[in-house]
Amino acid sequence: MPRFLRLALVVGGLLALYAANGPARAANVEDLYQSQTIVTGQGEPNRQAGFKICLDAVLVRVSGDQRLLAKPEMTALRDKAGSFVTGFRYRDCMEGIPVHDEQGTHDRPHDLYCQYTPATIDPVLASLGSKPWLTKRPRLAVFLATEQGIRHFALDADDKRGELMRESFGNAASPLAMQVAFPTAALLSQAGLDDRTLRDASMAKLDTVAKKAGADQALSGSIVWSDKEFGWIADWRLAMAGKTYTWQVRGVSFDEAFRIAIKGAAQILSGNGQPE
């Protein structure tokens, strides 16, 4: 066999090995080390404000630790947020809509996308006493009992009553690089689960049903509308390593209730303990 051909085969083998182990991981890491927010226009002051928001978002996205943002060290880090950005780009949120006047030129909302690298973000996390959460993030099956006055139901994958809630859960999961799934009505029925029995069902049972729904484990909760609280009261449960964690939020929109649910799940699954 010619020498150059042997060399080509060796290099090809190494590239194949790298393709199996390297790029897939790198692509995941690249996706993990990014964040986005909405800014008004593309001016420097608004860009710097956006960089601060994106820094907060990427630190939580990479670590799963919701407590970082309350640390006093964050004040100084936010002041130099732009220095951690590897690259950024904009997308006009009103793309395709003509500009009507000069004010519209400056005030059009844009998505600001920021890219970071482990070399810049990991040391920041270390300075905050945290670390990256790089293991595979489990897909969560959401088991949710909803009650608003006489209206009550268990959220499933198909019911039109839950369409906005399913969409909201997906929006809540994306910033933390997580995914959610929903059991079908048939699966809930087979398991003997409805909006009443969900509240008392064991997490072991729900985790088993979650796998049948194509997920890794269960996130269980209930939301009840409260006129007194001017919003929803949401209670959440998630099991990890033989322990069931619970947390609650009161007087919020269901969008915020679902953000709290996903943030709490990330807090637990990343090894950062009890949601606050």
C-alpha atoms as a PDB file:
ATOM      1  CA  MET A   1       0.000   0.000   0.000  1.00  0.00           C
ATOM      2  CA  PRO A   2       1.534   3.397  -0.937  1.00  0.00           C
ATOM      3  CA  ARG A   3       2.728   5.444   1.998  1.00  0.00           C
ATOM      4  CA  PHE A   4       0.485   8.400   1.175  1.00  0.00           C
ATOM      5  CA  LEU A   5      -2.545   6.084   1.079  1.00  0.00           C
ATOM      6  CA  ARG A   6      -1.691   4.597   4.485  1.00  0.00           C
ATOM      7  CA  LEU A   7      -1.339   8.126   5.832  1.00  0.00           C
ATOM      8  CA  ALA A   8      -4.686   9.111   4.332  1.00  0.00           C
ATOM      9  CA  LEU A   9      -6.372   6.118   5.946  1.00  0.00           C
ATOM     10  CA  VAL A  10      -4.859   6.948   9.338  1.00  0.00           C
ATOM     11  CA  VAL A  11      -5.893  10.581   9.092  1.00  0.00           C
ATOM     12  CA  GLY A  12      -9.331   9.520   7.892  1.00  0.00           C
ATOM     13  CA  GLY A  13      -9.697   7.208  10.877  1.00  0.00           C
ATOM     14  CA  LEU A  14      -8.699   9.941  13.271  1.00  0.00           C
ATOM     15  CA  LEU A  15     -11.124  12.357  11.673  1.00  0.00           C
ATOM     16  CA  ALA A  16     -13.897   9.777  11.926  1.00  0.00           C
ATOM     17  CA  LEU A  17     -13.108   9.259  15.596  1.00  0.00           C
ATOM     18  CA  TYR A  18     -13.094  13.007  16.148  1.00  0.00           C
ATOM     19  CA  ALA A  19     -16.365  13.338  14.268  1.00  0.00           C
ATOM     20  CA  ALA A  20     -17.923  10.756  16.582  1.00  0.00           C
ATOM     21  CA  ASN A  21     -16.693  12.356  19.781  1.00  0.00           C
ATOM     22  CA  GLY A  22     -15.412  15.859  19.146  1.00  0.00           C
ATOM     23  CA  PRO A  23     -17.687  17.971  16.956  1.00  0.00           C
ATOM     24  CA  ALA A  24     -20.925  16.694  18.471  1.00  0.00           C
ATOM     25  CA  ARG A  25     -19.711  17.750  21.866  1.00  0.00           C
ATOM     26  CA  ALA A  26     -18.268  20.995  20.519  1.00  0.00           C
ATOM     27  CA  ALA A  27     -21.528  21.852  18.766  1.00  0.00           C
ATOM     28  CA  ASN A  28     -23.404  21.280  22.001  1.00  0.00           C
ATOM     29  CA  VAL A  29     -20.930  23.415  23.920  1.00  0.00           C
ATOM     30  CA  GLU A  30     -21.145  26.174  21.327  1.00  0.00           C
ATOM     31  CA  ASP A  31     -24.918  26.144  21.672  1.00  0.00           C
ATOM     32  CA  LEU A  32     -24.650  26.200  25.445  1.00  0.00           C
ATOM     33  CA  TYR A  33     -22.353  29.221  25.573  1.00  0.00           C
ATOM     34  CA  GLN A  34     -24.746  31.696  24.016  1.00  0.00           C
ATOM     35  CA  SER A  35     -27.663  33.856  25.074  1.00  0.00           C
ATOM     36  CA  GLN A  36     -29.997  36.479  23.712  1.00  0.00           C
ATOM     37  CA  THR A  37     -32.199  39.390  24.697  1.00  0.00           C
ATOM     38  CA  ILE A  38     -34.277  42.114  23.036  1.00  0.00           C
ATOM     39  CA  VAL A  39     -32.839  45.633  22.704  1.00  0.00           C
ATOM     40  CA  THR A  40     -34.153  48.836  21.159  1.00  0.00           C
ATOM     41  CA  GLY A  41     -32.147  49.662  18.055  1.00  0.00           C
ATOM     42  CA  GLN A  42     -28.460  48.946  17.552  1.00  0.00           C
ATOM     43  CA  GLY A  43     -26.987  51.929  19.402  1.00  0.00           C
ATOM     44  CA  GLU A  44     -24.047  51.486  21.757  1.00  0.00           C
ATOM     45  CA  PRO A  45     -25.875  52.330  25.045  1.00  0.00           C
ATOM     46  CA  ASN A  46     -28.605  49.779  24.365  1.00  0.00           C
ATOM     47  CA  ARG A  47     -26.028  47.234  23.215  1.00  0.00           C
ATOM     48  CA  GLN A  48     -24.115  47.570  26.496  1.00  0.00           C
ATOM     49  CA  ALA A  49     -27.357  47.159  28.445  1.00  0.00           C
ATOM     50  CA  GLY A  50     -28.090  44.060  26.363  1.00  0.00           C
ATOM     51  CA  PHE A  51     -24.631  42.655  27.089  1.00  0.00           C
ATOM     52  CA  LYS A  52     -25.399  42.820  30.826  1.00  0.00           C
ATOM     53  CA  ILE A  53     -28.638  40.891  30.390  1.00  0.00           C
ATOM     54  CA  CYS A  54     -26.940  38.339  28.142  1.00  0.00           C
ATOM     55  CA  LEU A  55     -24.126  37.826  30.665  1.00  0.00           C
ATOM     56  CA  ASP A  56     -26.678  37.034  33.377  1.00  0.00           C
ATOM     57  CA  ALA A  57     -28.431  34.650  31.024  1.00  0.00           C
ATOM     58  CA  VAL A  58     -25.353  32.751  29.865  1.00  0.00           C
ATOM     59  CA  LEU A  59     -23.999  32.267  33.386  1.00  0.00           C
ATOM     60  CA  VAL A  60     -27.258  30.651  34.458  1.00  0.00           C
ATOM     61  CA  ARG A  61     -27.588  28.738  31.182  1.00  0.00           C
ATOM     62  CA  VAL A  62     -24.128  27.199  31.512  1.00  0.00           C
ATOM     63  CA  SER A  63     -24.218  26.482  35.254  1.00  0.00           C
ATOM     64  CA  GLY A  64     -27.908  25.916  35.975  1.00  0.00           C
ATOM     65  CA  ASP A  65     -27.328  27.888  39.191  1.00  0.00           C
ATOM     66  CA  GLN A  66     -30.054  30.496  39.672  1.00  0.00           C
ATOM     67  CA  ARG A  67     -28.394  31.952  42.781  1.00  0.00           C
ATOM     68  CA  LEU A  68     -25.461  33.479  40.917  1.00  0.00           C
ATOM     69  CA  LEU A  69     -27.341  36.598  39.843  1.00  0.00           C
ATOM     70  CA  ALA A  70     -27.899  37.723  43.433  1.00  0.00           C
ATOM     71  CA  LYS A  71     -24.208  37.580  44.345  1.00  0.00           C
ATOM     72  CA  PRO A  72     -22.594  40.978  45.057  1.00  0.00           C
ATOM     73  CA  GLU A  73     -19.723  40.177  42.676  1.00  0.00           C
ATOM     74  CA  MET A  74     -22.169  40.382  39.774  1.00  0.00           C
ATOM     75  CA  THR A  75     -22.243  44.184  39.942  1.00  0.00           C
ATOM     76  CA  ALA A  76     -18.610  44.508  38.852  1.00  0.00           C
ATOM     77  CA  LEU A  77     -18.977  41.718  36.288  1.00  0.00           C
ATOM     78  CA  ARG A  78     -21.966  43.414  34.669  1.00  0.00           C
ATOM     79  CA  ASP A  79     -20.001  46.655  34.365  1.00  0.00           C
ATOM     80  CA  LYS A  80     -17.596  44.879  31.999  1.00  0.00           C
ATOM     81  CA  ALA A  81     -20.119  42.481  30.464  1.00  0.00           C
ATOM     82  CA  GLY A  82     -19.084  43.341  26.917  1.00  0.00           C
ATOM     83  CA  SER A  83     -15.537  42.125  27.523  1.00  0.00           C
ATOM     84  CA  PHE A  84     -16.774  38.531  27.848  1.00  0.00           C
ATOM     85  CA  VAL A  85     -18.583  38.515  24.498  1.00  0.00           C
ATOM     86  CA  THR A  86     -16.801  36.653  21.698  1.00  0.00           C
ATOM     87  CA  GLY A  87     -19.231  37.778  19.010  1.00  0.00           C
ATOM     88  CA  PHE A  88     -22.714  39.210  18.615  1.00  0.00           C
ATOM     89  CA  ARG A  89     -25.343  39.784  15.967  1.00  0.00           C
ATOM     90  CA  TYR A  90     -28.759  41.375  15.615  1.00  0.00           C
ATOM     91  CA  ARG A  91     -32.072  40.321  14.139  1.00  0.00           C
ATOM     92  CA  ASP A  92     -34.707  42.960  13.461  1.00  0.00           C
ATOM     93  CA  CYS A  93     -37.840  41.839  15.302  1.00  0.00           C
ATOM     94  CA  MET A  94     -39.897  43.849  12.782  1.00  0.00           C
ATOM     95  CA  GLU A  95     -38.126  42.386   9.783  1.00  0.00           C
ATOM     96  CA  GLY A  96     -40.235  42.865   6.672  1.00  0.00           C
ATOM     97  CA  ILE A  97     -42.199  45.786   8.156  1.00  0.00           C
ATOM     98  CA  PRO A  98     -41.236  49.074   6.433  1.00  0.00           C
ATOM     99  CA  VAL A  99     -39.787  51.918   8.513  1.00  0.00           C
ATOM    100  CA  HIS A 100     -42.303  54.749   8.576  1.00  0.00           C
ATOM    101  CA  ASP A 101     -40.369  57.577  10.216  1.00  0.00           C
ATOM    102  CA  GLU A 102     -37.067  58.587  11.765  1.00  0.00           C
ATOM    103  CA  GLN A 103     -38.168  57.547  15.246  1.00  0.00           C
ATOM    104  CA  GLY A 104     -38.990  54.096  13.922  1.00  0.00           C
ATOM    105  CA  THR A 105     -35.457  53.808  12.556  1.00  0.00           C
ATOM    106  CA  HIS A 106     -33.950  54.192  16.012  1.00  0.00           C
ATOM    107  CA  ASP A 107     -36.585  52.444  18.095  1.00  0.00           C
ATOM    108  CA  ARG A 108     -37.138  49.202  16.207  1.00  0.00           C
ATOM    109  CA  PRO A 109     -36.708  46.231  18.565  1.00  0.00           C
ATOM    110  CA  HIS A 110     -33.922  43.781  17.772  1.00  0.00           C
ATOM    111  CA  ASP A 111     -32.929  40.393  19.094  1.00  0.00           C
ATOM    112  CA  LEU A 112     -29.338  40.645  20.310  1.00  0.00           C
ATOM    113  CA  TYR A 113     -27.520  37.300  20.131  1.00  0.00           C
ATOM    114  CA  CYS A 114     -24.280  36.955  22.101  1.00  0.00           C
ATOM    115  CA  GLN A 115     -21.716  34.158  21.745  1.00  0.00           C
ATOM    116  CA  TYR A 116     -19.201  33.226  24.447  1.00  0.00           C
ATOM    117  CA  THR A 117     -16.502  30.611  24.955  1.00  0.00           C
ATOM    118  CA  PRO A 118     -15.648  28.331  27.875  1.00  0.00           C
ATOM    119  CA  ALA A 119     -12.311  30.140  28.139  1.00  0.00           C
ATOM    120  CA  THR A 120     -14.088  33.375  29.109  1.00  0.00           C
ATOM    121  CA  ILE A 121     -17.172  32.102  30.980  1.00  0.00           C
ATOM    122  CA  ASP A 122     -15.758  29.206  33.012  1.00  0.00           C
ATOM    123  CA  PRO A 123     -13.332  31.418  34.980  1.00  0.00           C
ATOM    124  CA  VAL A 124     -16.208  33.803  35.739  1.00  0.00           C
ATOM    125  CA  LEU A 125     -18.226  30.898  37.094  1.00  0.00           C
ATOM    126  CA  ALA A 126     -15.254  29.770  39.166  1.00  0.00           C
ATOM    127  CA  SER A 127     -14.905  33.269  40.629  1.00  0.00           C
ATOM    128  CA  LEU A 128     -18.546  32.992  41.716  1.00  0.00           C
ATOM    129  CA  GLY A 129     -18.004  29.578  43.280  1.00  0.00           C
ATOM    130  CA  SER A 130     -19.803  27.749  40.483  1.00  0.00           C
ATOM    131  CA  LYS A 131     -18.938  25.532  37.512  1.00  0.00           C
ATOM    132  CA  PRO A 132     -20.334  24.473  34.115  1.00  0.00           C
ATOM    133  CA  TRP A 133     -23.120  21.909  33.942  1.00  0.00           C
ATOM    134  CA  LEU A 134     -21.968  19.950  30.893  1.00  0.00           C
ATOM    135  CA  THR A 135     -23.654  16.594  31.368  1.00  0.00           C
ATOM    136  CA  LYS A 136     -26.622  15.746  29.181  1.00  0.00           C
ATOM    137  CA  ARG A 137     -29.679  17.671  30.285  1.00  0.00           C
ATOM    138  CA  PRO A 138     -32.667  15.422  30.844  1.00  0.00           C
ATOM    139  CA  ARG A 139     -35.844  15.979  28.883  1.00  0.00           C
ATOM    140  CA  LEU A 140     -38.663  16.629  31.322  1.00  0.00           C
ATOM    141  CA  ALA A 141     -42.210  15.378  30.986  1.00  0.00           C
ATOM    142  CA  VAL A 142     -44.523  17.988  32.479  1.00  0.00           C
ATOM    143  CA  PHE A 143     -47.411  16.715  34.597  1.00  0.00           C
ATOM    144  CA  LEU A 144     -49.545  19.728  35.454  1.00  0.00           C
ATOM    145  CA  ALA A 145     -52.900  20.113  37.201  1.00  0.00           C
ATOM    146  CA  THR A 146     -54.599  23.417  36.381  1.00  0.00           C
ATOM    147  CA  GLU A 147     -57.462  25.011  38.306  1.00  0.00           C
ATOM    148  CA  GLN A 148     -59.191  28.327  37.650  1.00  0.00           C
ATOM    149  CA  GLY A 149     -62.554  28.595  39.365  1.00  0.00           C
ATOM    150  CA  ILE A 150     -64.769  25.786  38.083  1.00  0.00           C
ATOM    151  CA  ARG A 151     -62.384  25.162  35.172  1.00  0.00           C
ATOM    152  CA  HIS A 152     -59.855  22.455  35.820  1.00  0.00           C
ATOM    153  CA  PHE A 153     -57.873  19.978  33.733  1.00  0.00           C
ATOM    154  CA  ALA A 154     -54.615  18.072  33.465  1.00  0.00           C
ATOM    155  CA  LEU A 155     -52.290  19.468  30.826  1.00  0.00           C
ATOM    156  CA  ASP A 156     -51.685  16.986  28.019  1.00  0.00           C
ATOM    157  CA  ALA A 157     -50.037  16.962  24.604  1.00  0.00           C
ATOM    158  CA  ASP A 158     -53.161  17.641  22.534  1.00  0.00           C
ATOM    159  CA  ASP A 159     -55.906  19.489  24.420  1.00  0.00           C
ATOM    160  CA  LYS A 160     -56.534  22.931  22.894  1.00  0.00           C
ATOM    161  CA  ARG A 161     -57.120  24.349  26.376  1.00  0.00           C
ATOM    162  CA  GLY A 162     -53.436  23.846  27.100  1.00  0.00           C
ATOM    163  CA  GLU A 163     -51.996  25.101  23.815  1.00  0.00           C
ATOM    164  CA  LEU A 164     -50.691  28.395  25.200  1.00  0.00           C
ATOM    165  CA  MET A 165     -49.349  26.666  28.297  1.00  0.00           C
ATOM    166  CA  ARG A 166     -47.400  24.125  26.249  1.00  0.00           C
ATOM    167  CA  GLU A 167     -45.935  26.917  24.155  1.00  0.00           C
ATOM    168  CA  SER A 168     -45.053  28.872  27.289  1.00  0.00           C
ATOM    169  CA  PHE A 169     -43.271  25.882  28.818  1.00  0.00           C
ATOM    170  CA  GLY A 170     -41.198  25.489  25.667  1.00  0.00           C
ATOM    171  CA  ASN A 171     -40.265  29.172  25.799  1.00  0.00           C
ATOM    172  CA  ALA A 172     -39.252  28.793  29.444  1.00  0.00           C
ATOM    173  CA  ALA A 173     -37.056  25.771  28.731  1.00  0.00           C
ATOM    174  CA  SER A 174     -35.121  27.152  25.758  1.00  0.00           C
ATOM    175  CA  PRO A 175     -32.979  29.762  27.595  1.00  0.00           C
ATOM    176  CA  LEU A 176     -31.664  27.001  29.871  1.00  0.00           C
ATOM    177  CA  ALA A 177     -30.950  24.618  26.977  1.00  0.00           C
ATOM    178  CA  MET A 178     -33.614  22.233  28.244  1.00  0.00           C
ATOM    179  CA  GLN A 179     -36.513  20.425  26.601  1.00  0.00           C
ATOM    180  CA  VAL A 180     -39.985  19.489  27.777  1.00  0.00           C
ATOM    181  CA  ALA A 181     -42.552  16.936  26.670  1.00  0.00           C
ATOM    182  CA  PHE A 182     -46.194  16.379  27.568  1.00  0.00           C
ATOM    183  CA  PRO A 183     -48.047  13.094  28.120  1.00  0.00           C
ATOM    184  CA  THR A 184     -50.954  12.324  25.838  1.00  0.00           C
ATOM    185  CA  ALA A 185     -54.455  12.169  27.267  1.00  0.00           C
ATOM    186  CA  ALA A 186     -54.463   8.432  26.534  1.00  0.00           C
ATOM    187  CA  LEU A 187     -51.240   7.918  28.486  1.00  0.00           C
ATOM    188  CA  LEU A 188     -52.592   9.844  31.466  1.00  0.00           C
ATOM    189  CA  SER A 189     -55.781   7.801  31.378  1.00  0.00           C
ATOM    190  CA  GLN A 190     -53.893   4.506  31.191  1.00  0.00           C
ATOM    191  CA  ALA A 191     -51.885   5.537  34.241  1.00  0.00           C
ATOM    192  CA  GLY A 192     -55.013   6.582  36.144  1.00  0.00           C
ATOM    193  CA  LEU A 193     -53.902  10.207  36.267  1.00  0.00           C
ATOM    194  CA  ASP A 194     -56.053  13.308  36.054  1.00  0.00           C
ATOM    195  CA  ASP A 195     -55.933  16.821  37.530  1.00  0.00           C
ATOM    196  CA  ARG A 196     -56.985  15.451  40.929  1.00  0.00           C
ATOM    197  CA  THR A 197     -54.805  12.368  41.207  1.00  0.00           C
ATOM    198  CA  LEU A 198     -51.707  14.104  39.793  1.00  0.00           C
ATOM    199  CA  ARG A 199     -51.302  16.127  42.976  1.00  0.00           C
ATOM    200  CA  ASP A 200     -50.776  13.034  45.128  1.00  0.00           C
ATOM    201  CA  ALA A 201     -49.115  10.710  42.616  1.00  0.00           C
ATOM    202  CA  SER A 202     -45.669   9.517  43.656  1.00  0.00           C
ATOM    203  CA  MET A 203     -42.706  10.877  41.750  1.00  0.00           C
ATOM    204  CA  ALA A 204     -41.576   7.292  41.108  1.00  0.00           C
ATOM    205  CA  LYS A 205     -44.831   6.613  39.248  1.00  0.00           C
ATOM    206  CA  LEU A 206     -44.621   9.885  37.333  1.00  0.00           C
ATOM    207  CA  ASP A 207     -41.006   9.193  36.347  1.00  0.00           C
ATOM    208  CA  THR A 208     -42.126   5.845  34.927  1.00  0.00           C
ATOM    209  CA  VAL A 209     -44.923   7.478  32.934  1.00  0.00           C
ATOM    210  CA  ALA A 210     -42.487  10.198  31.795  1.00  0.00           C
ATOM    211  CA  LYS A 211     -40.353   7.619  30.017  1.00  0.00           C
ATOM    212  CA  LYS A 212     -43.429   6.368  28.176  1.00  0.00           C
ATOM    213  CA  ALA A 213     -43.970   9.968  27.063  1.00  0.00           C
ATOM    214  CA  GLY A 214     -40.503  10.031  25.519  1.00  0.00           C
ATOM    215  CA  ALA A 215     -38.849  11.971  28.321  1.00  0.00           C
ATOM    216  CA  ASP A 216     -36.181  11.153  30.899  1.00  0.00           C
ATOM    217  CA  GLN A 217     -38.032  12.100  34.071  1.00  0.00           C
ATOM    218  CA  ALA A 218     -41.023  13.975  35.432  1.00  0.00           C
ATOM    219  CA  LEU A 219     -41.596  17.544  36.504  1.00  0.00           C
ATOM    220  CA  SER A 220     -44.866  17.631  38.432  1.00  0.00           C
ATOM    221  CA  GLY A 221     -46.872  20.652  39.442  1.00  0.00           C
ATOM    222  CA  SER A 222     -50.165  22.386  39.992  1.00  0.00           C
ATOM    223  CA  ILE A 223     -51.293  25.926  39.302  1.00  0.00           C
ATOM    224  CA  VAL A 224     -54.344  27.432  40.945  1.00  0.00           C
ATOM    225  CA  TRP A 225     -55.702  30.878  40.119  1.00  0.00           C
ATOM    226  CA  SER A 226     -56.056  33.163  43.158  1.00  0.00           C
ATOM    227  CA  ASP A 227     -58.053  36.377  43.060  1.00  0.00           C
ATOM    228  CA  LYS A 228     -56.459  37.312  46.381  1.00  0.00           C
ATOM    229  CA  GLU A 229     -52.944  36.915  44.972  1.00  0.00           C
ATOM    230  CA  PHE A 230     -53.884  38.503  41.626  1.00  0.00           C
ATOM    231  CA  GLY A 231     -52.256  35.597  39.851  1.00  0.00           C
ATOM    232  CA  TRP A 232     -51.436  31.903  39.910  1.00  0.00           C
ATOM    233  CA  ILE A 233     -50.148  29.911  42.855  1.00  0.00           C
ATOM    234  CA  ALA A 234     -47.806  27.269  41.487  1.00  0.00           C
ATOM    235  CA  ASP A 235     -46.326  24.290  43.338  1.00  0.00           C
ATOM    236  CA  TRP A 236     -43.617  22.125  41.766  1.00  0.00           C
ATOM    237  CA  ARG A 237     -41.999  18.737  42.466  1.00  0.00           C
ATOM    238  CA  LEU A 238     -38.974  16.968  41.010  1.00  0.00           C
ATOM    239  CA  ALA A 239     -37.108  13.891  42.240  1.00  0.00           C
ATOM    240  CA  MET A 240     -33.356  13.399  42.083  1.00  0.00           C
ATOM    241  CA  ALA A 241     -31.077  10.861  43.765  1.00  0.00           C
ATOM    242  CA  GLY A 242     -33.886   9.523  45.955  1.00  0.00           C
ATOM    243  CA  LYS A 243     -34.985  12.947  47.195  1.00  0.00           C
ATOM    244  CA  THR A 244     -38.107  14.868  46.172  1.00  0.00           C
ATOM    245  CA  TYR A 245     -37.639  18.624  45.969  1.00  0.00           C
ATOM    246  CA  THR A 246     -40.557  21.042  46.218  1.00  0.00           C
ATOM    247  CA  TRP A 247     -40.824  24.773  45.558  1.00  0.00           C
ATOM    248  CA  GLN A 248     -43.554  27.359  45.102  1.00  0.00           C
ATOM    249  CA  VAL A 249     -44.296  30.751  43.579  1.00  0.00           C
ATOM    250  CA  ARG A 250     -47.381  32.893  44.225  1.00  0.00           C
ATOM    251  CA  GLY A 251     -49.246  35.660  42.462  1.00  0.00           C
ATOM    252  CA  VAL A 252     -47.641  35.370  39.020  1.00  0.00           C
ATOM    253  CA  SER A 253     -48.636  34.838  35.399  1.00  0.00           C
ATOM    254  CA  PHE A 254     -48.488  31.276  34.133  1.00  0.00           C
ATOM    255  CA  ASP A 255     -45.525  32.290  31.951  1.00  0.00           C
ATOM    256  CA  GLU A 256     -43.588  33.257  35.070  1.00  0.00           C
ATOM    257  CA  ALA A 257     -44.823  30.183  36.932  1.00  0.00           C
ATOM    258  CA  PHE A 258     -43.368  27.990  34.181  1.00  0.00           C
ATOM    259  CA  ARG A 259     -40.094  29.927  34.129  1.00  0.00           C
ATOM    260  CA  ILE A 260     -39.819  29.324  37.880  1.00  0.00           C
ATOM    261  CA  ALA A 261     -40.555  25.629  37.290  1.00  0.00           C
ATOM    262  CA  ILE A 262     -37.777  25.215  34.725  1.00  0.00           C
ATOM    263  CA  LYS A 263     -35.295  27.315  36.682  1.00  0.00           C
ATOM    264  CA  GLY A 264     -35.982  25.223  39.769  1.00  0.00           C
ATOM    265  CA  ALA A 265     -35.540  22.003  37.826  1.00  0.00           C
ATOM    266  CA  ALA A 266     -32.230  23.250  36.414  1.00  0.00           C
ATOM    267  CA  GLN A 267     -31.095  24.246  39.898  1.00  0.00           C
ATOM    268  CA  ILE A 268     -31.709  20.718  41.161  1.00  0.00           C
ATOM    269  CA  LEU A 269     -30.474  18.757  38.162  1.00  0.00           C
ATOM    270  CA  SER A 270     -27.241  20.744  37.931  1.00  0.00           C
ATOM    271  CA  GLY A 271     -26.412  19.766  41.507  1.00  0.00           C
ATOM    272  CA  ASN A 272     -26.971  23.229  42.944  1.00  0.00           C
ATOM    273  CA  GLY A 273     -29.585  22.161  45.469  1.00  0.00           C
ATOM    274  CA  GLN A 274     -32.948  23.467  46.605  1.00  0.00           C
ATOM    275  CA  PRO A 275     -34.639  26.137  44.451  1.00  0.00           C
ATOM    276  CA  GLU A 276     -35.167  29.374  46.286  1.00  0.00           C
END
